[in-house]
Amino acid sequence: MAKESSFDVVSTVDMQEVDNAFQQAKKELVQRYDLKDSGAEISLDKAGKTITVAAPAEFVAKQVIDVIATKLIKRGIDLAAVKWGDPQAAAGQSVRQTASIVEGIDKDTASRINKDIKGTKLKVKVQIEGDKLRVSSASRDTLQEVIAFLKGQDYGQPLQYVNYR
């Protein structure tokens, strides 16, 4: 019998690229005419994987978020990995909004992906291993079909397909 081939389905974000995008956005806040003296601030918590925007008004917060989103896209970070919370009122008229960076596949999403792959009726084995899934099959063509199928689905976070062997 032929040796089994496999690949892993993971969801990772390069935090160094997020930090680079954050630094660029911070620089643009200081330089951009309409945001220069607006009082808007951004902060990044690498350990907690959160981005916080503090602005004097919700309109300004949306502009700052747009700047951050642009920098993240330029750095190759999928915006589906950044989940923005609702704006919260801070002191006076100011607004604070926090985003969390999603990494890893949680149990619910992993079981949904597993169920969807089994629904394709392809001859593959799927194993949930912590925050990733391992898909294996005797046929590499079948694995390619699974990857193509998963790329067409939306699970609310970016997926990468690694360790293809």
N, C-alpha and C. Protein backbone atom coordinates (compact mmCIF):
# COMPACT_ATOMS: atom_id res chain seq x y z
N MET A 1 0.83 -1.19 0.00
CA MET A 1 0.00 0.00 0.00
C MET A 1 0.88 1.25 0.00
N ALA A 2 0.42 2.28 -0.66
CA ALA A 2 1.17 3.52 -0.76
C ALA A 2 1.21 4.23 0.59
N LYS A 3 2.28 4.98 0.80
CA LYS A 3 2.43 5.75 2.03
C LYS A 3 1.39 6.87 2.06
N GLU A 4 0.85 7.14 3.24
CA GLU A 4 -0.17 8.19 3.35
C GLU A 4 0.46 9.57 3.28
N SER A 5 -0.22 10.47 2.60
CA SER A 5 0.19 11.87 2.56
C SER A 5 -0.71 12.64 3.51
N SER A 6 -0.22 13.80 3.98
CA SER A 6 -1.05 14.58 4.90
C SER A 6 -0.68 16.05 4.82
N PHE A 7 -1.54 16.88 5.41
CA PHE A 7 -1.25 18.29 5.60
C PHE A 7 -1.98 18.74 6.85
N ASP A 8 -1.54 19.88 7.40
CA ASP A 8 -2.16 20.44 8.59
C ASP A 8 -2.94 21.70 8.22
N VAL A 9 -4.10 21.87 8.84
CA VAL A 9 -4.89 23.09 8.69
C VAL A 9 -4.67 23.89 9.97
N VAL A 10 -4.07 25.08 9.84
CA VAL A 10 -3.78 25.92 11.00
C VAL A 10 -4.28 27.34 10.75
N SER A 11 -4.32 28.12 11.80
CA SER A 11 -4.65 29.54 11.69
C SER A 11 -3.63 30.31 12.52
N THR A 12 -2.65 30.90 11.84
CA THR A 12 -1.59 31.63 12.54
C THR A 12 -1.48 33.05 11.99
N VAL A 13 -0.96 33.93 12.82
CA VAL A 13 -0.72 35.31 12.44
C VAL A 13 0.71 35.65 12.83
N ASP A 14 1.46 36.26 11.93
CA ASP A 14 2.83 36.67 12.20
C ASP A 14 2.79 37.95 13.04
N MET A 15 3.03 37.84 14.34
CA MET A 15 2.92 39.00 15.23
C MET A 15 3.98 40.07 14.92
N GLN A 16 5.10 39.67 14.34
CA GLN A 16 6.10 40.67 13.96
C GLN A 16 5.56 41.57 12.85
N GLU A 17 4.84 40.98 11.91
CA GLU A 17 4.22 41.78 10.84
C GLU A 17 3.12 42.68 11.41
N VAL A 18 2.37 42.18 12.40
CA VAL A 18 1.35 43.01 13.06
C VAL A 18 2.03 44.19 13.75
N ASP A 19 3.15 43.94 14.41
CA ASP A 19 3.90 45.00 15.08
C ASP A 19 4.41 46.02 14.07
N ASN A 20 4.92 45.54 12.93
CA ASN A 20 5.39 46.45 11.88
C ASN A 20 4.25 47.32 11.37
N ALA A 21 3.09 46.71 11.13
CA ALA A 21 1.93 47.48 10.66
C ALA A 21 1.49 48.49 11.71
N PHE A 22 1.54 48.09 12.98
CA PHE A 22 1.18 49.00 14.07
C PHE A 22 2.12 50.19 14.11
N GLN A 23 3.42 49.95 13.97
CA GLN A 23 4.41 51.04 13.99
C GLN A 23 4.17 52.00 12.82
N GLN A 24 3.86 51.45 11.64
CA GLN A 24 3.60 52.30 10.48
C GLN A 24 2.33 53.14 10.69
N ALA A 25 1.29 52.52 11.26
CA ALA A 25 0.04 53.23 11.52
C ALA A 25 0.26 54.34 12.55
N LYS A 26 1.07 54.04 13.56
CA LYS A 26 1.37 55.04 14.59
C LYS A 26 2.08 56.24 13.98
N LYS A 27 3.01 55.96 13.07
CA LYS A 27 3.74 57.03 12.39
C LYS A 27 2.80 57.88 11.53
N GLU A 28 1.86 57.20 10.85
CA GLU A 28 0.92 57.93 10.00
C GLU A 28 -0.02 58.80 10.83
N LEU A 29 -0.38 58.37 12.03
CA LEU A 29 -1.24 59.19 12.89
C LEU A 29 -0.58 60.52 13.23
N VAL A 30 0.73 60.49 13.43
CA VAL A 30 1.47 61.70 13.78
C VAL A 30 1.61 62.61 12.57
N GLN A 31 1.70 62.03 11.37
CA GLN A 31 1.99 62.81 10.17
C GLN A 31 0.75 63.27 9.41
N ARG A 32 -0.33 62.52 9.46
CA ARG A 32 -1.49 62.82 8.63
C ARG A 32 -2.21 64.07 9.14
N TYR A 33 -2.51 64.98 8.23
CA TYR A 33 -3.06 66.29 8.59
C TYR A 33 -4.36 66.18 9.38
N ASP A 34 -5.29 65.34 8.92
CA ASP A 34 -6.60 65.27 9.58
C ASP A 34 -6.56 64.52 10.91
N LEU A 35 -5.50 63.76 11.18
CA LEU A 35 -5.41 63.01 12.43
C LEU A 35 -4.32 63.52 13.37
N LYS A 36 -3.52 64.48 12.89
CA LYS A 36 -2.32 64.92 13.62
C LYS A 36 -2.62 65.36 15.06
N ASP A 37 -3.49 66.31 15.26
CA ASP A 37 -3.76 66.83 16.59
C ASP A 37 -5.15 66.43 17.08
N SER A 38 -5.64 65.30 16.61
CA SER A 38 -7.00 64.87 16.96
C SER A 38 -7.06 64.24 18.35
N GLY A 39 -5.92 63.80 18.89
CA GLY A 39 -5.91 63.16 20.20
C GLY A 39 -6.11 61.65 20.10
N ALA A 40 -6.09 61.13 18.90
CA ALA A 40 -6.26 59.68 18.71
C ALA A 40 -4.96 58.96 19.06
N GLU A 41 -5.10 57.81 19.72
CA GLU A 41 -3.94 57.01 20.09
C GLU A 41 -4.21 55.54 19.80
N ILE A 42 -3.14 54.81 19.47
CA ILE A 42 -3.27 53.36 19.31
C ILE A 42 -2.21 52.68 20.16
N SER A 43 -2.55 51.49 20.63
CA SER A 43 -1.57 50.72 21.40
C SER A 43 -1.70 49.25 21.03
N LEU A 44 -0.58 48.55 21.12
CA LEU A 44 -0.52 47.12 20.79
C LEU A 44 -0.01 46.36 22.00
N ASP A 45 -0.75 45.32 22.38
CA ASP A 45 -0.32 44.42 23.44
C ASP A 45 0.05 43.10 22.77
N LYS A 46 1.37 42.90 22.55
CA LYS A 46 1.82 41.69 21.84
C LYS A 46 1.47 40.43 22.61
N ALA A 47 1.65 40.45 23.92
CA ALA A 47 1.39 39.26 24.74
C ALA A 47 -0.09 38.90 24.73
N GLY A 48 -0.96 39.89 24.88
CA GLY A 48 -2.40 39.66 24.89
C GLY A 48 -3.01 39.61 23.50
N LYS A 49 -2.18 39.95 22.49
CA LYS A 49 -2.62 39.97 21.10
C LYS A 49 -3.85 40.85 20.91
N THR A 50 -3.74 42.12 21.38
CA THR A 50 -4.84 43.07 21.22
C THR A 50 -4.30 44.40 20.71
N ILE A 51 -5.16 45.07 19.96
CA ILE A 51 -4.88 46.42 19.48
C ILE A 51 -5.97 47.31 20.07
N THR A 52 -5.60 48.43 20.68
CA THR A 52 -6.57 49.33 21.28
C THR A 52 -6.48 50.69 20.61
N VAL A 53 -7.64 51.24 20.24
CA VAL A 53 -7.72 52.56 19.64
C VAL A 53 -8.49 53.46 20.60
N ALA A 54 -7.89 54.59 20.96
CA ALA A 54 -8.57 55.59 21.79
C ALA A 54 -8.67 56.86 20.96
N ALA A 55 -9.88 57.38 20.81
CA ALA A 55 -10.09 58.56 19.96
C ALA A 55 -11.12 59.49 20.61
N PRO A 56 -11.09 60.78 20.24
CA PRO A 56 -12.04 61.73 20.83
C PRO A 56 -13.47 61.55 20.33
N ALA A 57 -13.65 60.88 19.20
CA ALA A 57 -15.00 60.65 18.66
C ALA A 57 -15.01 59.34 17.88
N GLU A 58 -16.21 58.79 17.70
CA GLU A 58 -16.32 57.52 16.99
C GLU A 58 -15.87 57.64 15.54
N PHE A 59 -16.14 58.80 14.93
CA PHE A 59 -15.73 59.05 13.55
C PHE A 59 -14.21 58.96 13.41
N VAL A 60 -13.49 59.58 14.35
CA VAL A 60 -12.02 59.56 14.32
C VAL A 60 -11.52 58.13 14.56
N ALA A 61 -12.18 57.40 15.45
CA ALA A 61 -11.80 56.01 15.72
C ALA A 61 -11.91 55.17 14.46
N LYS A 62 -13.00 55.38 13.70
CA LYS A 62 -13.17 54.63 12.44
C LYS A 62 -12.05 54.96 11.45
N GLN A 63 -11.63 56.23 11.40
CA GLN A 63 -10.53 56.60 10.51
C GLN A 63 -9.23 55.92 10.93
N VAL A 64 -8.97 55.87 12.23
CA VAL A 64 -7.75 55.25 12.73
C VAL A 64 -7.78 53.74 12.44
N ILE A 65 -8.93 53.11 12.64
CA ILE A 65 -9.07 51.68 12.35
C ILE A 65 -8.82 51.41 10.87
N ASP A 66 -9.31 52.32 10.02
CA ASP A 66 -9.09 52.20 8.58
C ASP A 66 -7.59 52.27 8.26
N VAL A 67 -6.88 53.18 8.93
CA VAL A 67 -5.43 53.30 8.72
C VAL A 67 -4.74 52.00 9.13
N ILE A 68 -5.12 51.46 10.30
CA ILE A 68 -4.51 50.21 10.78
C ILE A 68 -4.81 49.07 9.80
N ALA A 69 -6.06 48.99 9.33
CA ALA A 69 -6.46 47.92 8.40
C ALA A 69 -5.64 48.01 7.12
N THR A 70 -5.43 49.20 6.62
CA THR A 70 -4.64 49.39 5.40
C THR A 70 -3.21 48.89 5.60
N LYS A 71 -2.63 49.23 6.73
CA LYS A 71 -1.25 48.80 7.01
C LYS A 71 -1.17 47.29 7.19
N LEU A 72 -2.17 46.68 7.83
CA LEU A 72 -2.18 45.23 8.00
C LEU A 72 -2.27 44.52 6.65
N ILE A 73 -3.12 45.03 5.76
CA ILE A 73 -3.26 44.42 4.44
C ILE A 73 -1.95 44.51 3.67
N LYS A 74 -1.29 45.67 3.73
CA LYS A 74 -0.02 45.84 3.04
C LYS A 74 1.04 44.88 3.57
N ARG A 75 0.92 44.51 4.85
CA ARG A 75 1.87 43.61 5.48
C ARG A 75 1.49 42.14 5.31
N GLY A 76 0.38 41.87 4.60
CA GLY A 76 0.00 40.49 4.32
C GLY A 76 -0.79 39.82 5.44
N ILE A 77 -1.37 40.60 6.34
CA ILE A 77 -2.19 40.04 7.42
C ILE A 77 -3.65 40.07 6.97
N ASP A 78 -4.31 38.92 7.03
CA ASP A 78 -5.71 38.82 6.66
C ASP A 78 -6.56 39.52 7.72
N LEU A 79 -7.45 40.40 7.30
CA LEU A 79 -8.28 41.15 8.25
C LEU A 79 -9.28 40.26 8.99
N ALA A 80 -9.52 39.06 8.49
CA ALA A 80 -10.41 38.13 9.19
C ALA A 80 -9.78 37.68 10.51
N ALA A 81 -8.46 37.85 10.65
CA ALA A 81 -7.77 37.47 11.88
C ALA A 81 -7.89 38.54 12.96
N VAL A 82 -8.43 39.70 12.60
CA VAL A 82 -8.58 40.81 13.55
C VAL A 82 -10.06 41.02 13.83
N LYS A 83 -10.48 40.76 15.06
CA LYS A 83 -11.88 40.90 15.46
C LYS A 83 -12.05 42.16 16.31
N TRP A 84 -12.71 43.17 15.73
CA TRP A 84 -12.93 44.43 16.44
C TRP A 84 -14.16 44.33 17.32
N GLY A 85 -14.03 44.81 18.55
CA GLY A 85 -15.16 44.86 19.47
C GLY A 85 -15.98 46.11 19.24
N ASP A 86 -17.06 46.25 19.99
CA ASP A 86 -17.90 47.44 19.89
C ASP A 86 -17.20 48.63 20.54
N PRO A 87 -17.45 49.85 20.01
CA PRO A 87 -16.86 51.03 20.64
C PRO A 87 -17.42 51.23 22.05
N GLN A 88 -16.55 51.56 22.98
CA GLN A 88 -16.97 51.80 24.36
C GLN A 88 -16.70 53.25 24.70
N ALA A 89 -17.65 53.87 25.40
CA ALA A 89 -17.49 55.26 25.81
C ALA A 89 -16.41 55.33 26.89
N ALA A 90 -15.52 56.29 26.73
CA ALA A 90 -14.47 56.52 27.73
C ALA A 90 -14.74 57.88 28.36
N ALA A 91 -13.76 58.48 28.98
CA ALA A 91 -13.94 59.76 29.66
C ALA A 91 -14.40 60.84 28.68
N GLY A 92 -15.40 61.59 29.06
CA GLY A 92 -15.92 62.67 28.21
C GLY A 92 -16.58 62.11 26.96
N GLN A 93 -16.26 62.68 25.82
CA GLN A 93 -16.82 62.24 24.55
C GLN A 93 -15.98 61.15 23.89
N SER A 94 -14.84 60.83 24.48
CA SER A 94 -13.91 59.92 23.81
C SER A 94 -14.44 58.49 23.73
N VAL A 95 -13.85 57.75 22.79
CA VAL A 95 -14.28 56.38 22.49
C VAL A 95 -13.05 55.47 22.53
N ARG A 96 -13.25 54.26 23.02
CA ARG A 96 -12.17 53.27 23.03
C ARG A 96 -12.69 52.01 22.34
N GLN A 97 -11.88 51.47 21.44
CA GLN A 97 -12.27 50.26 20.72
C GLN A 97 -11.08 49.31 20.71
N THR A 98 -11.37 48.03 21.01
CA THR A 98 -10.31 47.03 21.12
C THR A 98 -10.52 45.93 20.09
N ALA A 99 -9.40 45.47 19.52
CA ALA A 99 -9.43 44.35 18.58
C ALA A 99 -8.59 43.23 19.14
N SER A 100 -9.05 42.01 18.95
CA SER A 100 -8.24 40.86 19.35
C SER A 100 -7.78 40.14 18.08
N ILE A 101 -6.57 39.64 18.13
CA ILE A 101 -6.01 38.92 16.99
C ILE A 101 -6.23 37.43 17.23
N VAL A 102 -6.96 36.80 16.30
CA VAL A 102 -7.36 35.41 16.45
C VAL A 102 -6.27 34.49 15.91
N GLU A 103 -5.80 33.60 16.77
CA GLU A 103 -4.81 32.59 16.36
C GLU A 103 -5.27 31.24 16.86
N GLY A 104 -4.99 30.22 16.09
CA GLY A 104 -5.39 28.88 16.48
C GLY A 104 -6.85 28.63 16.12
N ILE A 105 -7.20 27.37 15.98
CA ILE A 105 -8.56 26.99 15.62
C ILE A 105 -9.22 26.45 16.89
N ASP A 106 -10.31 27.10 17.32
CA ASP A 106 -10.99 26.63 18.54
C ASP A 106 -11.75 25.33 18.26
N LYS A 107 -12.20 24.66 19.32
CA LYS A 107 -12.84 23.34 19.19
C LYS A 107 -14.08 23.38 18.31
N ASP A 108 -14.92 24.41 18.46
CA ASP A 108 -16.16 24.49 17.67
C ASP A 108 -15.85 24.59 16.17
N THR A 109 -14.92 25.48 15.83
CA THR A 109 -14.55 25.65 14.42
C THR A 109 -13.89 24.39 13.88
N ALA A 110 -13.03 23.76 14.69
CA ALA A 110 -12.35 22.54 14.26
C ALA A 110 -13.37 21.43 13.98
N SER A 111 -14.36 21.29 14.85
CA SER A 111 -15.36 20.24 14.61
C SER A 111 -16.23 20.57 13.41
N ARG A 112 -16.49 21.88 13.17
CA ARG A 112 -17.25 22.28 11.98
C ARG A 112 -16.47 21.96 10.70
N ILE A 113 -15.16 22.25 10.71
CA ILE A 113 -14.32 21.95 9.55
C ILE A 113 -14.29 20.43 9.33
N ASN A 114 -14.14 19.68 10.41
CA ASN A 114 -14.12 18.21 10.34
C ASN A 114 -15.42 17.70 9.71
N LYS A 115 -16.54 18.21 10.19
CA LYS A 115 -17.85 17.79 9.68
C LYS A 115 -18.01 18.13 8.20
N ASP A 116 -17.55 19.33 7.81
CA ASP A 116 -17.65 19.75 6.41
C ASP A 116 -16.80 18.87 5.50
N ILE A 117 -15.58 18.51 5.97
CA ILE A 117 -14.70 17.65 5.16
C ILE A 117 -15.34 16.27 5.00
N LYS A 118 -15.89 15.74 6.09
CA LYS A 118 -16.56 14.43 6.01
C LYS A 118 -17.78 14.49 5.09
N GLY A 119 -18.43 15.65 5.02
CA GLY A 119 -19.59 15.83 4.15
C GLY A 119 -19.24 15.80 2.67
N THR A 120 -17.97 15.98 2.32
CA THR A 120 -17.57 15.93 0.91
C THR A 120 -17.49 14.50 0.40
N LYS A 121 -17.51 13.52 1.31
CA LYS A 121 -17.44 12.09 0.97
C LYS A 121 -16.11 11.70 0.31
N LEU A 122 -15.07 12.50 0.54
CA LEU A 122 -13.75 12.16 0.03
C LEU A 122 -13.09 11.18 1.01
N LYS A 123 -12.20 10.34 0.51
CA LYS A 123 -11.57 9.33 1.36
C LYS A 123 -10.37 9.94 2.07
N VAL A 124 -10.65 10.63 3.18
CA VAL A 124 -9.61 11.25 3.99
C VAL A 124 -9.88 10.99 5.47
N LYS A 125 -8.81 11.06 6.26
CA LYS A 125 -8.94 10.97 7.71
C LYS A 125 -8.62 12.35 8.27
N VAL A 126 -9.46 12.82 9.21
CA VAL A 126 -9.24 14.12 9.84
C VAL A 126 -9.05 13.90 11.33
N GLN A 127 -7.96 14.46 11.86
CA GLN A 127 -7.70 14.37 13.30
C GLN A 127 -7.56 15.78 13.85
N ILE A 128 -8.27 16.06 14.94
CA ILE A 128 -8.14 17.36 15.60
C ILE A 128 -7.03 17.23 16.64
N GLU A 129 -5.99 18.05 16.47
CA GLU A 129 -4.84 18.00 17.37
C GLU A 129 -4.64 19.38 18.00
N GLY A 130 -5.32 19.63 19.10
CA GLY A 130 -5.19 20.91 19.78
C GLY A 130 -5.82 22.02 18.96
N ASP A 131 -5.00 22.97 18.50
CA ASP A 131 -5.53 24.10 17.73
C ASP A 131 -5.25 23.96 16.23
N LYS A 132 -5.07 22.72 15.77
CA LYS A 132 -4.89 22.47 14.33
C LYS A 132 -5.57 21.16 13.96
N LEU A 133 -5.73 20.94 12.66
CA LEU A 133 -6.31 19.70 12.17
C LEU A 133 -5.31 19.05 11.24
N ARG A 134 -5.18 17.73 11.31
CA ARG A 134 -4.35 16.99 10.38
C ARG A 134 -5.26 16.19 9.46
N VAL A 135 -5.10 16.40 8.16
CA VAL A 135 -5.89 15.69 7.16
C VAL A 135 -4.94 14.75 6.43
N SER A 136 -5.27 13.46 6.37
CA SER A 136 -4.40 12.51 5.69
C SER A 136 -5.20 11.61 4.76
N SER A 137 -4.52 11.16 3.70
CA SER A 137 -5.14 10.31 2.70
C SER A 137 -4.04 9.60 1.92
N ALA A 138 -4.41 8.50 1.26
CA ALA A 138 -3.45 7.79 0.42
C ALA A 138 -3.20 8.54 -0.88
N SER A 139 -4.17 9.33 -1.30
CA SER A 139 -4.08 10.05 -2.58
C SER A 139 -3.78 11.54 -2.36
N ARG A 140 -2.72 12.02 -2.99
CA ARG A 140 -2.39 13.45 -2.91
C ARG A 140 -3.44 14.29 -3.64
N ASP A 141 -4.04 13.74 -4.68
CA ASP A 141 -5.07 14.46 -5.42
C ASP A 141 -6.28 14.73 -4.53
N THR A 142 -6.62 13.75 -3.69
CA THR A 142 -7.73 13.92 -2.77
C THR A 142 -7.43 15.04 -1.78
N LEU A 143 -6.19 15.10 -1.30
CA LEU A 143 -5.80 16.17 -0.38
C LEU A 143 -5.90 17.53 -1.07
N GLN A 144 -5.52 17.59 -2.34
CA GLN A 144 -5.64 18.85 -3.09
C GLN A 144 -7.11 19.27 -3.19
N GLU A 145 -8.00 18.29 -3.38
CA GLU A 145 -9.43 18.58 -3.45
C GLU A 145 -9.93 19.13 -2.12
N VAL A 146 -9.45 18.58 -1.01
CA VAL A 146 -9.85 19.05 0.32
C VAL A 146 -9.39 20.49 0.53
N ILE A 147 -8.14 20.79 0.13
CA ILE A 147 -7.63 22.16 0.26
C ILE A 147 -8.47 23.11 -0.57
N ALA A 148 -8.78 22.73 -1.81
CA ALA A 148 -9.61 23.58 -2.67
C ALA A 148 -11.00 23.78 -2.05
N PHE A 149 -11.57 22.72 -1.47
CA PHE A 149 -12.88 22.82 -0.82
C PHE A 149 -12.82 23.79 0.36
N LEU A 150 -11.79 23.66 1.22
CA LEU A 150 -11.67 24.51 2.41
C LEU A 150 -11.43 25.98 2.05
N LYS A 151 -10.71 26.22 0.94
CA LYS A 151 -10.48 27.60 0.51
C LYS A 151 -11.78 28.27 0.09
N GLY A 152 -12.75 27.49 -0.35
CA GLY A 152 -14.05 28.03 -0.75
C GLY A 152 -15.00 28.27 0.41
N GLN A 153 -14.65 27.80 1.60
CA GLN A 153 -15.51 27.95 2.77
C GLN A 153 -15.08 29.17 3.59
N ASP A 154 -15.99 29.67 4.44
CA ASP A 154 -15.68 30.79 5.32
C ASP A 154 -15.91 30.35 6.77
N TYR A 155 -14.84 30.32 7.54
CA TYR A 155 -14.94 29.91 8.94
C TYR A 155 -14.68 31.08 9.89
N GLY A 156 -14.67 32.30 9.36
CA GLY A 156 -14.52 33.48 10.19
C GLY A 156 -13.09 33.77 10.60
N GLN A 157 -12.14 33.04 10.07
CA GLN A 157 -10.73 33.28 10.35
C GLN A 157 -9.91 32.72 9.20
N PRO A 158 -8.72 33.28 8.96
CA PRO A 158 -7.91 32.78 7.86
C PRO A 158 -7.31 31.41 8.20
N LEU A 159 -7.28 30.53 7.21
CA LEU A 159 -6.69 29.20 7.40
C LEU A 159 -5.47 29.06 6.51
N GLN A 160 -4.44 28.39 7.03
CA GLN A 160 -3.27 28.08 6.23
C GLN A 160 -3.13 26.56 6.18
N TYR A 161 -2.52 26.09 5.10
CA TYR A 161 -2.34 24.65 4.88
C TYR A 161 -0.84 24.39 4.84
N VAL A 162 -0.34 23.76 5.90
CA VAL A 162 1.10 23.60 6.06
C VAL A 162 1.46 22.12 6.20
N ASN A 163 2.77 21.84 6.18
CA ASN A 163 3.32 20.49 6.34
C ASN A 163 2.72 19.51 5.34
N TYR A 164 2.57 19.95 4.09
CA TYR A 164 2.03 19.07 3.05
C TYR A 164 3.12 18.08 2.67
N ARG A 165 2.86 16.80 2.93
CA ARG A 165 3.85 15.77 2.58
C ARG A 165 3.17 14.51 2.16
